[in-house]
Protein backbone atom coordinates (compact mmCIF):
# COMPACT_ATOMS: atom_id res chain seq x y z
CA UNK A 1 124.89 84.71 88.31
CA UNK A 2 122.31 83.93 90.89
CA UNK A 3 118.47 84.80 90.03
CA UNK A 4 116.85 87.23 92.41
CA UNK A 5 113.63 86.13 93.43
CA UNK A 6 111.37 88.59 92.54
CA UNK A 7 109.30 90.03 95.72
CA UNK A 8 105.56 90.36 94.25
CA UNK A 9 105.63 86.61 93.21
CA UNK A 10 107.24 85.55 96.16
CA UNK A 11 104.52 87.44 98.67
CA UNK A 12 101.98 86.19 96.05
CA UNK A 13 103.07 82.59 96.64
CA UNK A 14 103.27 82.91 100.47
CA UNK A 15 99.65 84.51 100.40
CA UNK A 16 98.42 81.25 98.42
CA UNK A 17 99.56 79.04 100.62
CA UNK A 18 98.18 81.05 103.86
CA UNK A 19 95.04 81.15 102.27
CA UNK A 20 95.22 77.49 101.54
CA UNK A 21 95.67 76.56 105.19
CA UNK A 22 92.73 78.98 106.00
CA UNK A 23 90.61 77.15 103.82
CA UNK A 24 91.37 73.91 105.24
CA UNK A 25 90.95 74.79 108.58
CA UNK A 26 87.61 76.74 107.70
CA UNK A 27 86.05 73.49 105.56
CA UNK A 28 87.44 71.07 108.47
CA UNK A 29 85.52 73.63 111.40
CA UNK A 30 82.47 74.66 109.07
CA UNK A 31 81.91 72.29 106.19
CA UNK A 32 82.73 72.72 102.41
CA UNK A 33 79.47 74.52 101.61
CA UNK A 34 79.25 77.03 104.67
CA UNK A 35 79.74 80.55 103.28
CA UNK A 36 82.98 81.40 105.57
CA UNK A 37 84.60 78.20 103.68
CA UNK A 38 83.41 79.39 99.84
CA UNK A 39 84.17 83.18 100.47
CA UNK A 40 87.65 81.64 101.25
CA UNK A 41 87.93 79.75 98.52
CA UNK A 42 87.24 82.41 96.03
CA UNK A 43 89.80 84.60 97.57
CA UNK A 44 92.13 81.52 96.89
CA UNK A 45 90.60 81.38 93.21
CA UNK A 46 91.56 85.07 92.67
CA UNK A 47 95.31 84.41 94.12
CA UNK A 48 95.90 81.45 91.84
CA UNK A 49 94.30 83.30 88.88
CA UNK A 50 97.10 86.61 89.61
CA UNK A 51 99.51 83.90 89.65
CA UNK A 52 98.76 82.17 86.58
CA UNK A 53 98.75 85.54 84.58
């Protein structure tokens, strides 16, 4: 029997990967303490917390 991928988890994992890439780009471009990078990091934290629960 094949296990079906649950759509919300799949979408959440994809969103996490996209947000990680965005944060790396922002950190490289503007620095790690820039408000845009920190905001993105907080959004990534939120996504990771959702995945953990």
